[in-house]
Amino acid sequence: MESYTDILLVTANVGSLFDNVGEMEKDWLREFYTAVHTYKPRFVALHFQEVGGKEYMANMELAENFFRSMESSEEMRDFDRVSTYVDSHFKTVDSFTALGSMYFIHKSLKNIYQYDFNAREFKPIAGQNKFVGSLEGVTTVQKEKFPKNFWPDFKWSRKGYMRTRWLIHNQGMDLVNVHLFHDASNLIACNSSPSVYSGNRKKALRYVINRISDGTDSPLPFFLFGDFNFRLDTLSLVQHLSISADVQTVKKDSSNEVERIICEEKDNDHKVLLQIETKLFAYLHQAVFREDNGRALLKYDKEIEVFKDVISEEDILFPPSYPYSEDYSEPTQYMNTRCPAWCDRIIFSNTAQSIIHRREEGEPNVIYNTLGSNVCMGDHKPVFLCFPLKTTAP
């Protein structure tokens, strides 16, 4: 007999949470607990990126306290089993990803097992299972930092993926935490369409999909959620935004290297419409990224298109998830450091479509949105997907 288990998946780049310790963490947790209270899931999966923030060497203890507070919180008391994985061993540079994954199982959910990749079998879960460190030798998780040759021209940073496998009422699925490469320079991102950075992300994502589908373990429907760092097609977007402007390119004195792009309105006293530098993307009419949830800009969100043969995504009905202001008084404002984009996503294999139960009438029961839309959550708004998982009752 077919039954359903309510699932809540959340992805959050929490780097600025640890670089700005204090009120932000309280607000972040409150928004998360509110979502749990609202949607009443039986299984919650949280995927974190940038655990410890930029100053991870100094902040890793704060990060571990953050996980501990969630595990022992009053709000999560009805979740009697927790599996936590935190890659916090920053001294092993060759494998450190700063990824963290937490899985909460409600006391009412009885028929659930987690896969042991070593024993190649599903095993029951009991109590709190916490793994913090390099995760070397932990058999219920697979973790990999992207090989160094993936981005030979750029700084080797904390990017990779972490995978767990679950069986809920006889329905199996892989949950994969992923963090792909960012755009190092807005100017280089403007050079070509697609950008060199987009090409790097495409290569890395294809690598992840191939790794989890290579047949070592029987392929299952999978959910990939994390900070994909997907960006809008910057060159096409800039051409669109500056269509009625005078464009000036400022080069460094000693070389031919572009230092700044300035787009000025042809009338209106030549007001600066858009200014771009390596880490500056200042657009005069920033509201366009928020109006109607940025829908007019979705046509420039192209990086996922090449993967349509294997993955799907719910319709995006929320504004770009990055880069939000870290000022508490401006929770809906974007910083002028990068072009706003839907970096944080929850995507899934085409095979997962058949295990998501969609109600045909009434209120939609599959919800894809951000957490804390009117609260300062750091530079990334967490993104969540809530849905009923089709399962087979015992």
Protein backbone atom coordinates (compact mmCIF):
# COMPACT_ATOMS: atom_id res chain seq x y z
CA MET A 1 0.00 0.00 0.00
CA GLU A 2 1.37 3.43 -0.97
CA SER A 3 1.96 5.94 1.83
CA TYR A 4 3.78 9.26 2.23
CA THR A 5 6.51 10.57 4.52
CA ASP A 6 6.92 14.36 4.78
CA ILE A 7 10.50 15.42 4.02
CA LEU A 8 12.24 18.78 4.57
CA LEU A 9 15.53 19.42 2.74
CA VAL A 10 17.50 22.59 3.53
CA THR A 11 20.74 23.93 2.07
CA ALA A 12 22.63 26.79 3.69
CA ASN A 13 26.00 28.40 3.07
CA VAL A 14 26.66 29.45 6.68
CA GLY A 15 30.08 31.10 6.24
CA SER A 16 28.94 34.54 7.39
CA LEU A 17 27.11 33.01 10.37
CA PHE A 18 30.47 32.26 11.97
CA ASP A 19 32.19 35.41 10.76
CA ASN A 20 29.40 37.48 12.40
CA VAL A 21 28.65 35.55 15.57
CA GLY A 22 25.79 36.76 17.75
CA GLU A 23 22.22 37.73 16.91
CA MET A 24 22.40 36.33 13.39
CA GLU A 25 22.73 32.78 14.69
CA LYS A 26 19.64 33.17 16.92
CA ASP A 27 17.60 34.55 14.04
CA TRP A 28 18.87 31.82 11.71
CA LEU A 29 17.88 29.06 14.13
CA ARG A 30 14.49 30.66 14.80
CA GLU A 31 13.67 30.72 11.09
CA PHE A 32 14.72 27.09 10.71
CA TYR A 33 12.70 25.95 13.74
CA THR A 34 9.69 27.88 12.42
CA ALA A 35 9.89 25.94 9.15
CA VAL A 36 10.03 22.64 11.05
CA HIS A 37 7.00 23.69 13.11
CA THR A 38 5.09 24.85 10.00
CA TYR A 39 5.70 21.89 7.70
CA LYS A 40 5.91 19.14 10.37
CA PRO A 41 8.36 16.88 8.52
CA ARG A 42 9.20 13.36 9.72
CA PHE A 43 12.70 13.55 8.22
CA VAL A 44 14.87 16.68 8.01
CA ALA A 45 18.12 16.95 6.03
CA LEU A 46 20.34 20.03 6.47
CA HIS A 47 23.31 20.57 4.18
CA PHE A 48 25.80 23.26 5.20
CA GLN A 49 28.67 24.77 3.24
CA GLU A 50 31.53 26.99 4.49
CA VAL A 51 31.30 25.60 8.02
CA GLY A 52 33.48 27.84 10.20
CA GLY A 53 33.44 30.71 7.70
CA LYS A 54 36.50 32.38 6.18
CA GLU A 55 38.32 32.25 9.53
CA TYR A 56 37.61 28.54 9.93
CA MET A 57 40.77 27.86 11.94
CA ALA A 58 39.57 30.21 14.67
CA ASN A 59 35.84 29.54 14.28
CA MET A 60 35.57 25.75 14.08
CA GLU A 61 34.77 25.46 17.79
CA LEU A 62 31.91 27.94 17.35
CA ALA A 63 30.65 25.81 14.47
CA GLU A 64 30.66 22.69 16.62
CA ASN A 65 28.68 24.57 19.29
CA PHE A 66 26.16 25.55 16.61
CA PHE A 67 25.58 21.89 15.67
CA ARG A 68 25.41 20.91 19.34
CA SER A 69 22.76 23.54 20.06
CA MET A 70 20.57 22.17 17.27
CA GLU A 71 20.95 18.56 18.39
CA SER A 72 19.93 19.40 21.96
CA SER A 73 17.32 22.09 21.22
CA GLU A 74 13.85 21.99 22.72
CA GLU A 75 12.42 22.67 19.24
CA MET A 76 13.88 19.41 17.86
CA ARG A 77 13.08 17.23 20.90
CA ASP A 78 10.64 15.03 18.95
CA PHE A 79 13.46 13.98 16.61
CA ASP A 80 14.97 11.16 18.64
CA ARG A 81 17.65 10.13 16.13
CA VAL A 82 20.25 12.46 14.63
CA SER A 83 23.15 11.78 12.26
CA THR A 84 25.71 14.60 12.03
CA TYR A 85 28.77 14.82 9.78
CA VAL A 86 31.12 17.81 9.99
CA ASP A 87 34.29 17.98 7.92
CA SER A 88 36.20 20.21 10.35
CA HIS A 89 39.75 18.88 9.97
CA PHE A 90 41.24 21.91 8.22
CA LYS A 91 44.82 20.72 8.71
CA THR A 92 44.31 18.03 6.06
CA VAL A 93 44.37 20.56 3.24
CA ASP A 94 44.11 17.94 0.50
CA SER A 95 40.73 16.72 1.72
CA PHE A 96 39.14 19.58 3.76
CA THR A 97 35.79 20.70 2.31
CA ALA A 98 34.15 22.59 5.25
CA LEU A 99 30.91 20.70 4.50
CA GLY A 100 28.48 19.70 7.23
CA SER A 101 25.36 17.53 7.00
CA MET A 102 22.71 16.88 9.66
CA TYR A 103 19.80 14.45 9.47
CA PHE A 104 16.94 14.49 11.99
CA ILE A 105 14.54 11.55 12.27
CA HIS A 106 11.18 12.01 14.01
CA LYS A 107 10.18 9.58 16.75
CA SER A 108 7.09 8.58 14.71
CA LEU A 109 9.24 7.42 11.77
CA LYS A 110 10.04 3.78 12.49
CA ASN A 111 11.02 2.19 9.21
CA ILE A 112 14.24 4.02 8.30
CA TYR A 113 17.74 2.75 7.57
CA GLN A 114 21.05 4.33 6.60
CA TYR A 115 23.51 2.82 4.14
CA ASP A 116 26.95 1.60 5.16
CA PHE A 117 29.11 2.09 2.06
CA ASN A 118 31.72 -0.33 3.41
CA ALA A 119 29.40 -3.20 4.31
CA ARG A 120 27.24 -2.38 1.25
CA GLU A 121 24.02 -2.71 3.21
CA PHE A 122 21.39 -0.62 5.00
CA LYS A 123 21.55 -0.58 8.79
CA PRO A 124 19.12 0.67 11.46
CA ILE A 125 19.76 4.03 13.16
CA ALA A 126 19.65 4.61 16.90
CA GLY A 127 20.29 7.68 19.06
CA GLN A 128 22.68 10.48 18.15
CA ASN A 129 25.48 9.66 15.75
CA LYS A 130 28.03 12.46 15.47
CA PHE A 131 31.15 12.44 13.34
CA VAL A 132 33.39 15.51 13.47
CA GLY A 133 36.86 15.77 11.98
CA SER A 134 38.28 14.46 8.71
CA LEU A 135 35.48 11.81 8.42
CA GLU A 136 38.17 9.39 7.28
CA GLY A 137 36.97 5.85 7.95
CA VAL A 138 33.33 6.86 8.60
CA THR A 139 31.45 4.23 6.59
CA THR A 140 28.02 5.91 6.41
CA VAL A 141 29.24 8.91 4.41
CA GLN A 142 31.25 9.44 1.23
CA LYS A 143 33.18 12.70 1.03
CA GLU A 144 35.49 14.02 -1.64
CA LYS A 145 37.23 17.29 -2.32
CA PHE A 146 37.40 18.12 -6.02
CA PRO A 147 40.73 17.13 -7.59
CA LYS A 148 43.23 19.97 -7.86
CA ASN A 149 43.40 19.73 -11.65
CA PHE A 150 39.76 20.85 -11.82
CA TRP A 151 40.76 24.48 -11.55
CA PRO A 152 44.48 24.82 -12.27
CA ASP A 153 44.20 28.57 -12.93
CA PHE A 154 42.47 29.38 -9.66
CA LYS A 155 43.11 29.10 -5.96
CA TRP A 156 42.38 25.60 -4.64
CA SER A 157 39.62 26.16 -2.13
CA ARG A 158 37.21 24.22 0.10
CA LYS A 159 34.97 22.69 -2.55
CA GLY A 160 33.63 19.17 -2.90
CA TYR A 161 30.69 16.92 -2.08
CA MET A 162 29.40 14.66 0.71
CA ARG A 163 26.91 11.84 0.16
CA THR A 164 24.66 9.75 2.39
CA ARG A 165 22.11 7.10 1.40
CA TRP A 166 18.76 6.39 3.06
CA LEU A 167 15.92 3.88 3.00
CA ILE A 168 12.57 5.21 4.26
CA HIS A 169 9.68 2.71 4.23
CA ASN A 170 11.44 0.76 1.47
CA GLN A 171 12.11 3.84 -0.67
CA GLY A 172 15.83 4.47 -1.18
CA MET A 173 17.47 7.80 -2.06
CA ASP A 174 20.86 9.50 -2.07
CA LEU A 175 21.28 12.92 -0.44
CA VAL A 176 24.33 14.82 -1.68
CA ASN A 177 25.77 17.99 -0.14
CA VAL A 178 27.70 19.94 -2.77
CA HIS A 179 29.75 23.13 -2.98
CA LEU A 180 30.94 24.23 -6.43
CA PHE A 181 33.41 26.95 -7.48
CA HIS A 182 32.58 30.65 -7.26
CA ASP A 183 33.28 33.52 -9.66
CA ALA A 184 36.62 34.96 -8.56
CA SER A 185 36.28 38.12 -10.68
CA ASN A 186 33.22 39.91 -12.03
CA LEU A 187 35.37 41.27 -14.87
CA ILE A 188 36.53 37.82 -16.00
CA ALA A 189 32.92 36.58 -15.71
CA CYS A 190 31.99 39.27 -18.28
CA ASN A 191 34.56 38.09 -20.81
CA SER A 192 32.63 35.25 -22.38
CA SER A 193 29.27 33.53 -22.47
CA PRO A 194 29.30 31.07 -20.79
CA SER A 195 32.09 32.25 -18.49
CA VAL A 196 35.23 30.27 -17.68
CA TYR A 197 33.85 29.86 -14.15
CA SER A 198 30.63 28.39 -15.47
CA GLY A 199 32.72 25.88 -17.40
CA ASN A 200 34.49 24.84 -14.19
CA ARG A 201 31.20 24.33 -12.36
CA LYS A 202 29.80 22.28 -15.24
CA LYS A 203 32.83 19.99 -15.14
CA ALA A 204 32.61 19.57 -11.35
CA LEU A 205 28.87 18.90 -11.28
CA ARG A 206 29.16 16.31 -14.06
CA TYR A 207 31.92 14.70 -11.97
CA VAL A 208 29.63 14.46 -8.91
CA ILE A 209 26.73 13.04 -10.93
CA ASN A 210 29.03 10.46 -12.52
CA ARG A 211 30.49 9.49 -9.14
CA ILE A 212 27.12 8.82 -7.54
CA SER A 213 25.84 7.00 -10.63
CA ASP A 214 28.91 4.89 -11.42
CA GLY A 215 27.31 1.58 -10.45
CA THR A 216 29.60 0.84 -7.49
CA ASP A 217 26.41 0.97 -5.45
CA SER A 218 23.09 0.40 -7.19
CA PRO A 219 21.94 3.80 -8.53
CA LEU A 220 19.03 5.34 -6.61
CA PRO A 221 17.02 8.54 -7.06
CA PHE A 222 19.15 11.40 -5.72
CA PHE A 223 18.76 14.91 -4.37
CA LEU A 224 21.70 17.29 -4.78
CA PHE A 225 21.47 20.33 -2.55
CA GLY A 226 24.09 22.88 -1.71
CA ASP A 227 25.80 26.02 -2.93
CA PHE A 228 26.20 25.39 -6.65
CA ASN A 229 27.47 28.96 -7.11
CA PHE A 230 25.40 29.08 -10.32
CA ARG A 231 25.56 32.63 -11.69
CA LEU A 232 23.54 34.52 -14.24
CA ASP A 233 25.09 34.68 -17.69
CA THR A 234 26.95 37.86 -16.80
CA LEU A 235 27.97 38.96 -20.29
CA SER A 236 24.41 38.65 -21.68
CA LEU A 237 22.92 40.30 -18.58
CA VAL A 238 25.33 43.26 -18.67
CA GLN A 239 24.59 43.77 -22.37
CA HIS A 240 20.88 43.81 -21.51
CA LEU A 241 21.22 46.18 -18.51
CA SER A 242 23.42 48.61 -20.45
CA ILE A 243 21.51 48.53 -23.75
CA SER A 244 20.76 52.27 -23.60
CA ALA A 245 23.97 53.34 -21.86
CA ASP A 246 27.42 54.59 -22.81
CA VAL A 247 29.93 51.92 -21.85
CA GLN A 248 33.49 52.84 -20.85
CA THR A 249 36.28 50.38 -20.18
CA VAL A 250 39.02 51.60 -17.83
CA LYS A 251 42.37 49.83 -18.12
CA LYS A 252 45.31 49.72 -15.74
CA ASP A 253 48.04 52.23 -16.61
CA SER A 254 50.84 49.73 -17.09
CA SER A 255 48.96 46.99 -18.92
CA ASN A 256 46.04 46.24 -21.16
CA GLU A 257 44.18 44.63 -18.26
CA VAL A 258 40.62 45.89 -17.66
CA GLU A 259 40.25 47.43 -14.21
CA ARG A 260 36.71 48.77 -14.39
CA ILE A 261 33.63 48.84 -16.64
CA ILE A 262 31.38 51.88 -16.28
CA CYS A 263 27.95 52.17 -17.91
CA GLU A 264 26.51 55.69 -17.86
CA GLU A 265 23.00 56.76 -18.85
CA LYS A 266 23.03 58.69 -22.12
CA ASP A 267 20.87 61.42 -20.66
CA ASN A 268 19.99 62.04 -16.99
CA ASP A 269 23.33 63.84 -16.41
CA HIS A 270 25.27 60.71 -17.35
CA LYS A 271 24.38 59.06 -14.08
CA VAL A 272 26.34 55.84 -13.50
CA LEU A 273 23.94 52.98 -14.23
CA LEU A 274 26.31 50.07 -13.65
CA GLN A 275 29.88 49.81 -12.42
CA ILE A 276 31.83 46.55 -12.48
CA GLU A 277 35.18 45.76 -10.90
CA THR A 278 36.76 42.48 -9.76
CA LYS A 279 34.63 42.44 -6.61
CA LEU A 280 32.13 45.19 -7.37
CA PHE A 281 28.81 44.90 -9.21
CA ALA A 282 26.90 48.10 -8.48
CA TYR A 283 23.65 48.45 -10.43
CA LEU A 284 21.57 51.59 -9.92
CA HIS A 285 18.18 49.86 -10.08
CA GLN A 286 18.83 46.97 -7.71
CA ALA A 287 15.10 46.44 -7.17
CA VAL A 288 14.96 44.54 -10.50
CA PHE A 289 16.54 41.58 -8.70
CA ARG A 290 13.70 41.49 -6.15
CA GLU A 291 10.65 42.60 -8.12
CA ASP A 292 8.40 39.63 -8.94
CA ASN A 293 11.11 37.46 -7.31
CA GLY A 294 13.54 38.41 -10.05
CA ARG A 295 11.51 36.47 -12.62
CA ALA A 296 12.61 38.70 -15.50
CA LEU A 297 16.20 37.59 -14.90
CA LEU A 298 15.57 33.83 -14.79
CA LYS A 299 16.26 33.62 -18.53
CA TYR A 300 19.92 34.41 -17.72
CA ASP A 301 20.05 31.50 -15.25
CA LYS A 302 21.39 28.98 -17.76
CA GLU A 303 23.93 26.77 -15.98
CA ILE A 304 21.51 23.98 -15.12
CA GLU A 305 20.25 23.62 -18.71
CA VAL A 306 23.06 21.30 -19.87
CA PHE A 307 22.07 18.79 -17.16
CA LYS A 308 18.40 18.48 -18.10
CA ASP A 309 19.10 14.97 -19.39
CA VAL A 310 19.61 13.77 -15.80
CA ILE A 311 18.31 16.35 -13.33
CA SER A 312 15.20 18.43 -12.62
CA GLU A 313 14.26 21.31 -10.34
CA GLU A 314 11.05 22.82 -9.04
CA ASP A 315 10.07 26.22 -10.50
CA ILE A 316 12.03 29.03 -8.84
CA LEU A 317 9.57 31.48 -7.28
CA PHE A 318 11.96 33.29 -4.92
CA PRO A 319 14.53 36.07 -5.47
CA PRO A 320 18.23 35.32 -6.00
CA SER A 321 19.66 33.71 -2.84
CA TYR A 322 23.00 35.60 -2.89
CA PRO A 323 24.71 38.05 -2.04
CA TYR A 324 22.50 39.51 0.69
CA SER A 325 23.64 42.29 2.98
CA GLU A 326 25.05 41.18 6.34
CA ASP A 327 23.68 44.36 7.92
CA TYR A 328 20.79 43.46 10.28
CA SER A 329 18.83 46.54 9.18
CA GLU A 330 18.89 45.53 5.48
CA PRO A 331 17.69 41.91 5.33
CA THR A 332 16.30 42.21 1.78
CA GLN A 333 19.12 44.28 0.27
CA TYR A 334 21.86 42.82 -1.90
CA MET A 335 25.51 43.71 -1.45
CA ASN A 336 27.21 45.41 -4.39
CA THR A 337 29.96 42.78 -4.50
CA ARG A 338 28.49 40.33 -7.03
CA CYS A 339 25.61 40.19 -9.43
CA PRO A 340 22.71 38.58 -7.51
CA ALA A 341 22.14 34.95 -8.50
CA TRP A 342 20.36 31.74 -7.52
CA CYS A 343 23.49 30.08 -6.09
CA ASP A 344 21.75 27.88 -3.51
CA ARG A 345 19.60 25.16 -5.05
CA ILE A 346 17.92 21.82 -4.50
CA ILE A 347 17.96 19.72 -7.65
CA PHE A 348 17.14 16.08 -8.12
CA SER A 349 17.54 13.22 -10.56
CA ASN A 350 14.79 12.76 -13.12
CA THR A 351 14.17 9.40 -11.44
CA ALA A 352 13.27 11.26 -8.22
CA GLN A 353 10.25 12.86 -9.94
CA SER A 354 8.33 9.62 -9.48
CA ILE A 355 8.89 9.49 -5.68
CA ILE A 356 7.62 13.03 -5.01
CA HIS A 357 3.88 12.98 -4.31
CA ARG A 358 2.08 15.94 -5.89
CA ARG A 359 -1.45 16.80 -4.87
CA GLU A 360 -3.58 17.37 -7.95
CA GLU A 361 -6.07 19.73 -6.30
CA GLY A 362 -5.98 22.40 -3.62
CA GLU A 363 -2.90 23.99 -2.09
CA PRO A 364 0.45 22.86 -3.56
CA ASN A 365 2.12 20.35 -1.24
CA VAL A 366 5.59 20.67 -2.78
CA ILE A 367 7.21 23.91 -1.59
CA TYR A 368 10.51 25.34 -2.86
CA ASN A 369 11.51 28.62 -1.22
CA THR A 370 13.99 30.52 0.93
CA LEU A 371 14.13 30.69 4.72
CA GLY A 372 14.19 34.09 6.44
CA SER A 373 13.20 36.24 3.47
CA ASN A 374 12.75 39.27 5.77
CA VAL A 375 15.49 38.43 8.29
CA CYS A 376 19.27 38.81 8.05
CA MET A 377 20.50 35.23 7.52
CA GLY A 378 23.98 36.16 6.26
CA ASP A 379 25.05 36.65 2.64
CA HIS A 380 23.18 33.49 1.54
CA LYS A 381 19.50 32.86 2.19
CA PRO A 382 18.97 29.16 2.99
CA VAL A 383 16.83 27.35 0.43
CA PHE A 384 14.40 24.55 1.29
CA LEU A 385 12.29 21.92 -0.43
CA CYS A 386 9.36 20.37 1.42
CA PHE A 387 7.53 17.42 -0.13
CA PRO A 388 5.77 14.12 0.64
CA LEU A 389 7.98 11.17 -0.27
CA LYS A 390 6.09 8.26 -1.81
CA THR A 391 6.84 5.17 0.25
CA THR A 392 5.53 1.65 0.67
CA ALA A 393 3.80 0.99 3.98
CA PRO A 394 5.05 -2.14 5.80
